Amino acid sequence: NMSSGPPQSPTVAKTEVTVEGECPIFAATFAYWDNILGPRVSMANHTLNGEILRSTECGAVDVKFFVLAEKGVIIISLIFDGELKGDKNTCALSIILPQTELAFYLPLHTVCVDRLKHIIRKGRIWMQKGYNIISVLSEIVPIMELLSSMKTHSVQEDLDIKDTILNDDDIGDSYHEDFLHKAVSSHLQTCGCSMVVGSNPDKVNKVVLTLCLFLTPAERKCSRFCKADSTFKYDTGLFVQGLLKDSVGSFVLPFRQVLYSPYPTTHIDVDINTVKQMPPCYEHTHIQRPILHQCTGARCAHELLTLTLMTCLSAFKKWERN
């Protein structure tokens, strides 16, 4: 018997991901407009509605934010043009959170959108090469891990100076001369974006709190303490983040992720009291722009990234006060 109503839109089986801690993301979806069947995922009725005739410049990504009170969810959707099976399609990459997480999510919205845009840049290359675009959803797992870590280890809005280095009676014994001055000065020069690394979580987190005194309450919500019993990975887009060294006392600097950060970064090692600084903001943006805006193919992306990382390695220098 012929069933009444429109044909069912084909979908792929859902994949469940286990993330340590409490993850506020319900789901992530990839949807695209099929010229015969329409949106290929039911949620795309919201995310792709009105987008089929969109006219934008090549490579543009539009961000849509939905609060669906009747379903109790919020949807953050990035609309972009992609190439599937030789045809250009309007696509949407979305994450879905419960509406109860709205206040928690809003300060992190810019961080998440920037990370999703990076996934789309990679996804476009995969689509051009004919790879299964659904595989790109695995790239969302680090965003899920980021939000999970921020649920438990984000810096509070209101700080007390007694919890920082500035309240230490033995500050001269704990840190060599000028260390704190260099750390704070460089932190301000890199737009409040710093990573604090060390072996002692209490010491790392005390420096994190000290630097956060110089941030706004909203920026503090985008900052994170280190976790004592495990090591968080560096997350692009946070303002201040504490990171622990491994069991042998080493820390591998994630140059590529640091490069993707919207601002240059200060690197502070509390074990040996050193302060290092990326190039200033205008240089950082100049180095970053080719990768973020001009890469249209895998070879182009690889060549530009190799060149930029070489520049980044030489530029991440020890900062010394004049």
C-alpha atoms as a PDB file:
ATOM      1  CA  ASN A   1       0.000   0.000   0.000  1.00  0.00           C
ATOM      2  CA  MET A   2       1.149   3.512  -0.780  1.00  0.00           C
ATOM      3  CA  SER A   3       1.503   5.541   2.397  1.00  0.00           C
ATOM      4  CA  SER A   4      -0.080   8.957   2.469  1.00  0.00           C
ATOM      5  CA  GLY A   5       1.885  12.102   3.183  1.00  0.00           C
ATOM      6  CA  PRO A   6       5.331  13.246   2.046  1.00  0.00           C
ATOM      7  CA  PRO A   7       8.195  10.750   1.715  1.00  0.00           C
ATOM      8  CA  GLN A   8      10.315  10.250   4.791  1.00  0.00           C
ATOM      9  CA  SER A   9      13.624  12.068   4.754  1.00  0.00           C
ATOM     10  CA  PRO A  10      16.536   9.602   4.946  1.00  0.00           C
ATOM     11  CA  THR A  11      18.758  10.011   8.003  1.00  0.00           C
ATOM     12  CA  VAL A  12      21.766   8.251   9.463  1.00  0.00           C
ATOM     13  CA  ALA A  13      21.755   6.344  12.731  1.00  0.00           C
ATOM     14  CA  LYS A  14      22.526   8.442  15.772  1.00  0.00           C
ATOM     15  CA  THR A  15      25.862   8.062  17.531  1.00  0.00           C
ATOM     16  CA  GLU A  16      26.160   8.357  21.300  1.00  0.00           C
ATOM     17  CA  VAL A  17      29.285   9.866  22.859  1.00  0.00           C
ATOM     18  CA  THR A  18      30.418   9.449  26.459  1.00  0.00           C
ATOM     19  CA  VAL A  19      31.976  12.548  28.015  1.00  0.00           C
ATOM     20  CA  GLU A  20      33.506  12.707  31.482  1.00  0.00           C
ATOM     21  CA  GLY A  21      31.436  14.839  33.838  1.00  0.00           C
ATOM     22  CA  GLU A  22      28.172  16.646  33.166  1.00  0.00           C
ATOM     23  CA  CYS A  23      27.802  17.644  29.519  1.00  0.00           C
ATOM     24  CA  PRO A  24      25.061  20.203  28.778  1.00  0.00           C
ATOM     25  CA  ILE A  25      24.820  19.331  25.063  1.00  0.00           C
ATOM     26  CA  PHE A  26      21.835  17.134  24.170  1.00  0.00           C
ATOM     27  CA  ALA A  27      22.897  16.468  20.593  1.00  0.00           C
ATOM     28  CA  ALA A  28      24.749  17.721  17.528  1.00  0.00           C
ATOM     29  CA  THR A  29      23.236  17.518  14.050  1.00  0.00           C
ATOM     30  CA  PHE A  30      24.348  18.027  10.480  1.00  0.00           C
ATOM     31  CA  ALA A  31      21.556  18.834   8.018  1.00  0.00           C
ATOM     32  CA  TYR A  32      21.421  19.828   4.365  1.00  0.00           C
ATOM     33  CA  TRP A  33      18.724  20.815   1.931  1.00  0.00           C
ATOM     34  CA  ASP A  34      17.751  18.162  -0.610  1.00  0.00           C
ATOM     35  CA  ASN A  35      16.118  19.643  -3.728  1.00  0.00           C
ATOM     36  CA  ILE A  36      13.637  16.742  -3.863  1.00  0.00           C
ATOM     37  CA  LEU A  37      13.006  15.822  -0.227  1.00  0.00           C
ATOM     38  CA  GLY A  38      13.744  19.145   1.414  1.00  0.00           C
ATOM     39  CA  PRO A  39      15.601  19.182   4.750  1.00  0.00           C
ATOM     40  CA  ARG A  40      17.322  15.860   5.460  1.00  0.00           C
ATOM     41  CA  VAL A  41      16.865  16.066   9.250  1.00  0.00           C
ATOM     42  CA  SER A  42      13.597  16.972  10.982  1.00  0.00           C
ATOM     43  CA  MET A  43      15.309  19.584  13.178  1.00  0.00           C
ATOM     44  CA  ALA A  44      16.402  21.273   9.946  1.00  0.00           C
ATOM     45  CA  ASN A  45      12.842  22.554   9.532  1.00  0.00           C
ATOM     46  CA  HIS A  46      13.995  25.161  12.051  1.00  0.00           C
ATOM     47  CA  THR A  47      17.656  25.531  11.141  1.00  0.00           C
ATOM     48  CA  LEU A  48      17.252  25.666   7.336  1.00  0.00           C
ATOM     49  CA  ASN A  49      13.906  27.454   7.222  1.00  0.00           C
ATOM     50  CA  GLY A  50      14.159  30.424   4.839  1.00  0.00           C
ATOM     51  CA  GLU A  51      17.774  29.646   3.919  1.00  0.00           C
ATOM     52  CA  ILE A  52      17.302  27.905   0.567  1.00  0.00           C
ATOM     53  CA  LEU A  53      17.466  31.196  -1.361  1.00  0.00           C
ATOM     54  CA  ARG A  54      20.228  32.682   0.772  1.00  0.00           C
ATOM     55  CA  SER A  55      22.713  34.797  -1.140  1.00  0.00           C
ATOM     56  CA  THR A  56      26.056  35.251   0.575  1.00  0.00           C
ATOM     57  CA  GLU A  57      29.680  35.641  -0.345  1.00  0.00           C
ATOM     58  CA  CYS A  58      31.715  32.494  -0.870  1.00  0.00           C
ATOM     59  CA  GLY A  59      32.811  30.908   2.377  1.00  0.00           C
ATOM     60  CA  ALA A  60      30.361  32.858   4.550  1.00  0.00           C
ATOM     61  CA  VAL A  61      28.874  31.249   7.661  1.00  0.00           C
ATOM     62  CA  ASP A  62      25.659  32.574   9.218  1.00  0.00           C
ATOM     63  CA  VAL A  63      24.899  31.966  12.892  1.00  0.00           C
ATOM     64  CA  LYS A  64      21.310  31.388  14.034  1.00  0.00           C
ATOM     65  CA  PHE A  65      20.226  31.142  17.663  1.00  0.00           C
ATOM     66  CA  PHE A  66      16.874  29.568  18.527  1.00  0.00           C
ATOM     67  CA  VAL A  67      15.082  29.264  21.852  1.00  0.00           C
ATOM     68  CA  LEU A  68      12.301  26.683  21.410  1.00  0.00           C
ATOM     69  CA  ALA A  69      10.364  27.081  24.644  1.00  0.00           C
ATOM     70  CA  GLU A  70       7.756  24.512  23.600  1.00  0.00           C
ATOM     71  CA  LYS A  71      10.495  21.873  23.322  1.00  0.00           C
ATOM     72  CA  GLY A  72      12.586  23.188  26.204  1.00  0.00           C
ATOM     73  CA  VAL A  73      15.752  23.484  24.109  1.00  0.00           C
ATOM     74  CA  ILE A  74      18.064  26.054  22.576  1.00  0.00           C
ATOM     75  CA  ILE A  75      19.676  25.475  19.181  1.00  0.00           C
ATOM     76  CA  ILE A  76      22.847  27.117  17.918  1.00  0.00           C
ATOM     77  CA  SER A  77      23.021  26.587  14.178  1.00  0.00           C
ATOM     78  CA  LEU A  78      25.686  27.598  11.663  1.00  0.00           C
ATOM     79  CA  ILE A  79      24.419  27.843   8.074  1.00  0.00           C
ATOM     80  CA  PHE A  80      26.901  27.468   5.227  1.00  0.00           C
ATOM     81  CA  ASP A  81      27.181  26.397   1.598  1.00  0.00           C
ATOM     82  CA  GLY A  82      28.810  23.025   1.028  1.00  0.00           C
ATOM     83  CA  GLU A  83      29.488  20.729  -1.899  1.00  0.00           C
ATOM     84  CA  LEU A  84      27.850  17.304  -1.707  1.00  0.00           C
ATOM     85  CA  LYS A  85      28.090  14.797  -4.569  1.00  0.00           C
ATOM     86  CA  GLY A  86      29.158  17.542  -6.955  1.00  0.00           C
ATOM     87  CA  ASP A  87      26.226  19.833  -6.106  1.00  0.00           C
ATOM     88  CA  LYS A  88      26.225  22.905  -3.913  1.00  0.00           C
ATOM     89  CA  ASN A  89      23.886  22.568  -0.959  1.00  0.00           C
ATOM     90  CA  THR A  90      22.799  24.737   1.933  1.00  0.00           C
ATOM     91  CA  CYS A  91      23.968  22.993   5.109  1.00  0.00           C
ATOM     92  CA  ALA A  92      23.535  23.491   8.843  1.00  0.00           C
ATOM     93  CA  LEU A  93      25.768  22.323  11.686  1.00  0.00           C
ATOM     94  CA  SER A  94      23.930  22.622  14.998  1.00  0.00           C
ATOM     95  CA  ILE A  95      24.273  21.876  18.686  1.00  0.00           C
ATOM     96  CA  ILE A  96      21.235  21.448  20.935  1.00  0.00           C
ATOM     97  CA  LEU A  97      21.164  22.246  24.657  1.00  0.00           C
ATOM     98  CA  PRO A  98      18.396  22.251  27.276  1.00  0.00           C
ATOM     99  CA  GLN A  99      16.855  25.678  27.794  1.00  0.00           C
ATOM    100  CA  THR A 100      17.828  25.489  31.465  1.00  0.00           C
ATOM    101  CA  GLU A 101      21.484  25.876  30.376  1.00  0.00           C
ATOM    102  CA  LEU A 102      20.883  29.220  28.636  1.00  0.00           C
ATOM    103  CA  ALA A 103      22.524  31.370  31.333  1.00  0.00           C
ATOM    104  CA  PHE A 104      25.513  29.004  31.486  1.00  0.00           C
ATOM    105  CA  TYR A 105      25.930  28.884  27.704  1.00  0.00           C
ATOM    106  CA  LEU A 106      25.593  32.570  26.762  1.00  0.00           C
ATOM    107  CA  PRO A 107      29.035  33.716  28.048  1.00  0.00           C
ATOM    108  CA  LEU A 108      30.598  30.823  26.086  1.00  0.00           C
ATOM    109  CA  HIS A 109      28.624  31.445  22.881  1.00  0.00           C
ATOM    110  CA  THR A 110      31.445  33.212  21.018  1.00  0.00           C
ATOM    111  CA  VAL A 111      33.946  30.510  22.012  1.00  0.00           C
ATOM    112  CA  CYS A 112      31.641  27.727  20.780  1.00  0.00           C
ATOM    113  CA  VAL A 113      30.756  29.511  17.524  1.00  0.00           C
ATOM    114  CA  ASP A 114      34.438  30.065  16.700  1.00  0.00           C
ATOM    115  CA  ARG A 115      35.137  26.377  17.352  1.00  0.00           C
ATOM    116  CA  LEU A 116      32.163  25.324  15.192  1.00  0.00           C
ATOM    117  CA  LYS A 117      33.369  27.581  12.364  1.00  0.00           C
ATOM    118  CA  HIS A 118      36.720  25.816  12.481  1.00  0.00           C
ATOM    119  CA  ILE A 119      34.910  22.474  12.142  1.00  0.00           C
ATOM    120  CA  ILE A 120      33.064  23.842   9.101  1.00  0.00           C
ATOM    121  CA  ARG A 121      36.346  24.919   7.479  1.00  0.00           C
ATOM    122  CA  LYS A 122      37.624  21.383   7.879  1.00  0.00           C
ATOM    123  CA  GLY A 123      34.256  19.940   6.791  1.00  0.00           C
ATOM    124  CA  ARG A 124      34.282  21.887   3.527  1.00  0.00           C
ATOM    125  CA  ILE A 125      37.619  20.319   2.620  1.00  0.00           C
ATOM    126  CA  TRP A 126      36.241  16.878   3.446  1.00  0.00           C
ATOM    127  CA  MET A 127      33.175  17.533   1.290  1.00  0.00           C
ATOM    128  CA  GLN A 128      35.302  18.642  -1.667  1.00  0.00           C
ATOM    129  CA  LYS A 129      37.347  15.455  -1.383  1.00  0.00           C
ATOM    130  CA  GLY A 130      34.203  13.312  -1.252  1.00  0.00           C
ATOM    131  CA  TYR A 131      34.607  12.090   2.337  1.00  0.00           C
ATOM    132  CA  ASN A 132      31.625  11.210   4.518  1.00  0.00           C
ATOM    133  CA  ILE A 133      30.610  14.555   5.986  1.00  0.00           C
ATOM    134  CA  ILE A 134      28.905  12.869   8.952  1.00  0.00           C
ATOM    135  CA  SER A 135      32.391  12.013  10.218  1.00  0.00           C
ATOM    136  CA  VAL A 136      32.936  15.704  10.896  1.00  0.00           C
ATOM    137  CA  LEU A 137      30.526  15.463  13.832  1.00  0.00           C
ATOM    138  CA  SER A 138      33.270  13.675  15.786  1.00  0.00           C
ATOM    139  CA  GLU A 139      35.046  17.050  15.815  1.00  0.00           C
ATOM    140  CA  ILE A 140      32.302  18.341  18.130  1.00  0.00           C
ATOM    141  CA  VAL A 141      33.421  16.032  20.959  1.00  0.00           C
ATOM    142  CA  PRO A 142      36.149  18.499  22.124  1.00  0.00           C
ATOM    143  CA  ILE A 143      33.456  21.218  22.344  1.00  0.00           C
ATOM    144  CA  MET A 144      31.359  18.880  24.478  1.00  0.00           C
ATOM    145  CA  GLU A 145      34.394  18.246  26.693  1.00  0.00           C
ATOM    146  CA  LEU A 146      35.026  21.991  26.952  1.00  0.00           C
ATOM    147  CA  LEU A 147      31.469  22.728  28.110  1.00  0.00           C
ATOM    148  CA  SER A 148      31.612  19.802  30.526  1.00  0.00           C
ATOM    149  CA  SER A 149      34.828  21.143  32.081  1.00  0.00           C
ATOM    150  CA  MET A 150      33.360  24.652  32.350  1.00  0.00           C
ATOM    151  CA  LYS A 151      30.381  23.302  34.311  1.00  0.00           C
ATOM    152  CA  THR A 152      32.699  22.313  37.152  1.00  0.00           C
ATOM    153  CA  HIS A 153      35.882  24.392  36.824  1.00  0.00           C
ATOM    154  CA  SER A 154      34.994  27.812  35.416  1.00  0.00           C
ATOM    155  CA  VAL A 155      36.187  30.827  37.405  1.00  0.00           C
ATOM    156  CA  GLN A 156      33.502  32.567  39.448  1.00  0.00           C
ATOM    157  CA  GLU A 157      32.394  36.126  38.633  1.00  0.00           C
ATOM    158  CA  ASP A 158      33.151  37.578  42.069  1.00  0.00           C
ATOM    159  CA  LEU A 159      36.732  37.250  43.306  1.00  0.00           C
ATOM    160  CA  ASP A 160      38.333  37.963  46.670  1.00  0.00           C
ATOM    161  CA  ILE A 161      41.842  39.385  46.613  1.00  0.00           C
ATOM    162  CA  LYS A 162      42.749  37.278  49.663  1.00  0.00           C
ATOM    163  CA  ASP A 163      42.600  34.178  47.433  1.00  0.00           C
ATOM    164  CA  THR A 164      45.265  35.553  45.082  1.00  0.00           C
ATOM    165  CA  ILE A 165      49.041  36.006  45.101  1.00  0.00           C
ATOM    166  CA  LEU A 166      48.553  39.669  46.006  1.00  0.00           C
ATOM    167  CA  ASN A 167      47.574  38.584  49.529  1.00  0.00           C
ATOM    168  CA  ASP A 168      50.663  36.426  50.114  1.00  0.00           C
ATOM    169  CA  ASP A 169      52.910  37.630  52.948  1.00  0.00           C
ATOM    170  CA  ASP A 170      55.805  35.639  51.498  1.00  0.00           C
ATOM    171  CA  ILE A 171      55.326  36.819  47.917  1.00  0.00           C
ATOM    172  CA  GLY A 172      59.016  37.700  47.689  1.00  0.00           C
ATOM    173  CA  ASP A 173      59.976  34.162  48.672  1.00  0.00           C
ATOM    174  CA  SER A 174      57.399  32.421  46.480  1.00  0.00           C
ATOM    175  CA  TYR A 175      58.252  34.232  43.244  1.00  0.00           C
ATOM    176  CA  HIS A 176      61.468  35.784  42.052  1.00  0.00           C
ATOM    177  CA  GLU A 177      61.730  39.520  41.592  1.00  0.00           C
ATOM    178  CA  ASP A 178      59.587  40.983  38.792  1.00  0.00           C
ATOM    179  CA  PHE A 179      57.842  37.669  37.968  1.00  0.00           C
ATOM    180  CA  LEU A 180      54.394  38.889  38.991  1.00  0.00           C
ATOM    181  CA  HIS A 181      54.962  42.246  37.287  1.00  0.00           C
ATOM    182  CA  LYS A 182      55.943  40.538  34.042  1.00  0.00           C
ATOM    183  CA  ALA A 183      53.059  38.064  34.247  1.00  0.00           C
ATOM    184  CA  VAL A 184      50.382  40.724  34.776  1.00  0.00           C
ATOM    185  CA  SER A 185      51.893  43.143  32.236  1.00  0.00           C
ATOM    186  CA  SER A 186      52.087  40.482  29.529  1.00  0.00           C
ATOM    187  CA  HIS A 187      48.598  39.230  30.440  1.00  0.00           C
ATOM    188  CA  LEU A 188      47.203  42.717  29.810  1.00  0.00           C
ATOM    189  CA  GLN A 189      49.190  43.123  26.580  1.00  0.00           C
ATOM    190  CA  THR A 190      47.687  39.903  25.191  1.00  0.00           C
ATOM    191  CA  CYS A 191      44.120  41.151  25.810  1.00  0.00           C
ATOM    192  CA  GLY A 192      43.700  39.108  28.992  1.00  0.00           C
ATOM    193  CA  CYS A 193      44.425  35.794  27.255  1.00  0.00           C
ATOM    194  CA  SER A 194      46.872  33.598  29.222  1.00  0.00           C
ATOM    195  CA  MET A 195      47.690  29.972  29.969  1.00  0.00           C
ATOM    196  CA  VAL A 196      49.186  29.093  33.348  1.00  0.00           C
ATOM    197  CA  VAL A 197      51.089  25.796  33.512  1.00  0.00           C
ATOM    198  CA  GLY A 198      52.741  23.996  36.393  1.00  0.00           C
ATOM    199  CA  SER A 199      52.941  20.824  38.472  1.00  0.00           C
ATOM    200  CA  ASN A 200      51.120  22.060  41.588  1.00  0.00           C
ATOM    201  CA  PRO A 201      47.381  22.614  40.955  1.00  0.00           C
ATOM    202  CA  ASP A 202      46.966  24.933  43.963  1.00  0.00           C
ATOM    203  CA  LYS A 203      49.813  27.144  42.785  1.00  0.00           C
ATOM    204  CA  VAL A 204      48.501  27.178  39.197  1.00  0.00           C
ATOM    205  CA  ASN A 205      44.975  28.071  40.292  1.00  0.00           C
ATOM    206  CA  LYS A 206      46.203  30.861  42.559  1.00  0.00           C
ATOM    207  CA  VAL A 207      47.920  32.508  39.590  1.00  0.00           C
ATOM    208  CA  VAL A 208      44.762  31.941  37.501  1.00  0.00           C
ATOM    209  CA  LEU A 209      42.723  33.803  40.131  1.00  0.00           C
ATOM    210  CA  THR A 210      45.302  36.604  40.256  1.00  0.00           C
ATOM    211  CA  LEU A 211      45.147  37.166  36.491  1.00  0.00           C
ATOM    212  CA  CYS A 212      41.347  36.998  36.546  1.00  0.00           C
ATOM    213  CA  LEU A 213      41.312  40.065  38.813  1.00  0.00           C
ATOM    214  CA  PHE A 214      42.143  41.985  35.635  1.00  0.00           C
ATOM    215  CA  LEU A 215      39.220  40.538  33.644  1.00  0.00           C
ATOM    216  CA  THR A 216      35.563  41.527  33.496  1.00  0.00           C
ATOM    217  CA  PRO A 217      32.988  39.224  35.158  1.00  0.00           C
ATOM    218  CA  ALA A 218      31.915  37.980  31.705  1.00  0.00           C
ATOM    219  CA  GLU A 219      35.534  37.180  30.779  1.00  0.00           C
ATOM    220  CA  ARG A 220      35.982  35.295  34.059  1.00  0.00           C
ATOM    221  CA  LYS A 221      33.100  33.037  33.023  1.00  0.00           C
ATOM    222  CA  CYS A 222      35.267  32.147  30.006  1.00  0.00           C
ATOM    223  CA  SER A 223      38.235  31.231  32.209  1.00  0.00           C
ATOM    224  CA  ARG A 224      38.993  27.868  33.796  1.00  0.00           C
ATOM    225  CA  PHE A 225      40.905  26.397  36.731  1.00  0.00           C
ATOM    226  CA  CYS A 226      43.084  23.340  36.260  1.00  0.00           C
ATOM    227  CA  LYS A 227      41.761  20.020  37.554  1.00  0.00           C
ATOM    228  CA  ALA A 228      43.842  18.392  40.269  1.00  0.00           C
ATOM    229  CA  ASP A 229      43.273  14.726  39.411  1.00  0.00           C
ATOM    230  CA  SER A 230      43.493  14.983  35.620  1.00  0.00           C
ATOM    231  CA  THR A 231      44.806  17.279  32.933  1.00  0.00           C
ATOM    232  CA  PHE A 232      42.480  19.423  30.848  1.00  0.00           C
ATOM    233  CA  LYS A 233      43.612  20.038  27.301  1.00  0.00           C
ATOM    234  CA  TYR A 234      44.278  23.556  26.072  1.00  0.00           C
ATOM    235  CA  ASP A 235      41.026  25.047  24.750  1.00  0.00           C
ATOM    236  CA  THR A 236      41.095  27.765  22.110  1.00  0.00           C
ATOM    237  CA  GLY A 237      39.104  30.883  22.971  1.00  0.00           C
ATOM    238  CA  LEU A 238      39.229  30.861  26.777  1.00  0.00           C
ATOM    239  CA  PHE A 239      40.725  33.911  28.452  1.00  0.00           C
ATOM    240  CA  VAL A 240      42.709  32.372  31.326  1.00  0.00           C
ATOM    241  CA  GLN A 241      43.176  28.634  31.749  1.00  0.00           C
ATOM    242  CA  GLY A 242      45.229  26.556  34.144  1.00  0.00           C
ATOM    243  CA  LEU A 243      46.991  23.481  32.761  1.00  0.00           C
ATOM    244  CA  LEU A 244      48.962  20.802  34.602  1.00  0.00           C
ATOM    245  CA  LYS A 245      52.219  19.293  33.415  1.00  0.00           C
ATOM    246  CA  ASP A 246      52.396  15.533  32.926  1.00  0.00           C
ATOM    247  CA  SER A 247      53.860  13.018  35.384  1.00  0.00           C
ATOM    248  CA  VAL A 248      57.421  13.701  34.210  1.00  0.00           C
ATOM    249  CA  GLY A 249      57.029  17.467  34.493  1.00  0.00           C
ATOM    250  CA  SER A 250      56.717  18.333  30.804  1.00  0.00           C
ATOM    251  CA  PHE A 251      54.094  20.295  28.901  1.00  0.00           C
ATOM    252  CA  VAL A 252      53.630  20.174  25.129  1.00  0.00           C
ATOM    253  CA  LEU A 253      52.634  23.592  23.851  1.00  0.00           C
ATOM    254  CA  PRO A 254      49.697  23.216  21.402  1.00  0.00           C
ATOM    255  CA  PHE A 255      50.913  25.724  18.799  1.00  0.00           C
ATOM    256  CA  ARG A 256      48.120  25.083  16.317  1.00  0.00           C
ATOM    257  CA  GLN A 257      45.358  25.602  18.880  1.00  0.00           C
ATOM    258  CA  VAL A 258      47.102  28.685  20.284  1.00  0.00           C
ATOM    259  CA  LEU A 259      47.253  30.090  16.768  1.00  0.00           C
ATOM    260  CA  TYR A 260      43.481  29.674  16.324  1.00  0.00           C
ATOM    261  CA  SER A 261      42.790  31.738  19.450  1.00  0.00           C
ATOM    262  CA  PRO A 262      41.227  35.137  18.675  1.00  0.00           C
ATOM    263  CA  TYR A 263      43.920  36.890  20.729  1.00  0.00           C
ATOM    264  CA  PRO A 264      47.650  36.364  21.262  1.00  0.00           C
ATOM    265  CA  THR A 265      48.535  34.348  24.362  1.00  0.00           C
ATOM    266  CA  THR A 266      50.790  34.738  27.379  1.00  0.00           C
ATOM    267  CA  HIS A 267      52.435  31.503  28.590  1.00  0.00           C
ATOM    268  CA  ILE A 268      53.255  31.453  32.323  1.00  0.00           C
ATOM    269  CA  ASP A 269      55.184  28.587  33.945  1.00  0.00           C
ATOM    270  CA  VAL A 270      54.811  28.750  37.732  1.00  0.00           C
ATOM    271  CA  ASP A 271      57.397  26.001  38.310  1.00  0.00           C
ATOM    272  CA  ILE A 272      60.296  27.993  36.881  1.00  0.00           C
ATOM    273  CA  ASN A 273      58.704  31.476  37.012  1.00  0.00           C
ATOM    274  CA  THR A 274      58.948  32.271  33.310  1.00  0.00           C
ATOM    275  CA  VAL A 275      56.698  34.446  31.165  1.00  0.00           C
ATOM    276  CA  LYS A 276      56.525  34.058  27.376  1.00  0.00           C
ATOM    277  CA  GLN A 277      54.394  36.019  24.974  1.00  0.00           C
ATOM    278  CA  MET A 278      53.020  35.596  21.474  1.00  0.00           C
ATOM    279  CA  PRO A 279      53.411  38.490  18.993  1.00  0.00           C
ATOM    280  CA  PRO A 280      51.073  41.470  19.547  1.00  0.00           C
ATOM    281  CA  CYS A 281      47.462  41.430  18.410  1.00  0.00           C
ATOM    282  CA  TYR A 282      47.962  42.975  14.966  1.00  0.00           C
ATOM    283  CA  GLU A 283      50.721  40.469  14.113  1.00  0.00           C
ATOM    284  CA  HIS A 284      48.686  37.574  15.505  1.00  0.00           C
ATOM    285  CA  THR A 285      45.722  38.539  13.301  1.00  0.00           C
ATOM    286  CA  HIS A 286      47.976  38.916  10.257  1.00  0.00           C
ATOM    287  CA  ILE A 287      49.501  35.456  10.781  1.00  0.00           C
ATOM    288  CA  GLN A 288      46.107  33.893  11.464  1.00  0.00           C
ATOM    289  CA  ARG A 289      44.116  35.395   8.574  1.00  0.00           C
ATOM    290  CA  PRO A 290      45.353  33.167   5.689  1.00  0.00           C
ATOM    291  CA  ILE A 291      44.391  29.985   7.509  1.00  0.00           C
ATOM    292  CA  LEU A 292      41.001  31.219   8.673  1.00  0.00           C
ATOM    293  CA  HIS A 293      39.846  32.943   5.479  1.00  0.00           C
ATOM    294  CA  GLN A 294      41.806  31.875   2.409  1.00  0.00           C
ATOM    295  CA  CYS A 295      42.158  28.088   2.609  1.00  0.00           C
ATOM    296  CA  THR A 296      39.932  26.393   0.055  1.00  0.00           C
ATOM    297  CA  GLY A 297      41.713  23.062  -0.306  1.00  0.00           C
ATOM    298  CA  ALA A 298      43.617  20.558   1.778  1.00  0.00           C
ATOM    299  CA  ARG A 299      46.975  21.320   0.129  1.00  0.00           C
ATOM    300  CA  CYS A 300      46.497  25.061   0.601  1.00  0.00           C
ATOM    301  CA  ALA A 301      45.579  24.542   4.252  1.00  0.00           C
ATOM    302  CA  HIS A 302      48.573  22.282   4.887  1.00  0.00           C
ATOM    303  CA  GLU A 303      51.093  24.632   3.254  1.00  0.00           C
ATOM    304  CA  LEU A 304      49.766  27.712   5.022  1.00  0.00           C
ATOM    305  CA  LEU A 305      49.617  25.931   8.357  1.00  0.00           C
ATOM    306  CA  THR A 306      53.202  24.675   8.039  1.00  0.00           C
ATOM    307  CA  LEU A 307      54.448  28.173   7.212  1.00  0.00           C
ATOM    308  CA  THR A 308      52.440  29.753  10.006  1.00  0.00           C
ATOM    309  CA  LEU A 309      53.542  27.244  12.630  1.00  0.00           C
ATOM    310  CA  MET A 310      57.178  27.931  11.734  1.00  0.00           C
ATOM    311  CA  THR A 311      56.485  31.633  12.244  1.00  0.00           C
ATOM    312  CA  CYS A 312      54.658  30.886  15.474  1.00  0.00           C
ATOM    313  CA  LEU A 313      57.508  28.769  16.868  1.00  0.00           C
ATOM    314  CA  SER A 314      60.032  31.530  16.313  1.00  0.00           C
ATOM    315  CA  ALA A 315      57.667  34.213  17.600  1.00  0.00           C
ATOM    316  CA  PHE A 316      56.704  32.582  20.904  1.00  0.00           C
ATOM    317  CA  LYS A 317      59.608  34.178  22.698  1.00  0.00           C
ATOM    318  CA  LYS A 318      60.560  34.971  26.231  1.00  0.00           C
ATOM    319  CA  TRP A 319      59.108  38.342  27.121  1.00  0.00           C
ATOM    320  CA  GLU A 320      61.388  40.727  28.964  1.00  0.00           C
ATOM    321  CA  ARG A 321      60.354  44.021  30.440  1.00  0.00           C
ATOM    322  CA  ASN A 322      62.105  47.011  28.897  1.00  0.00           C
END
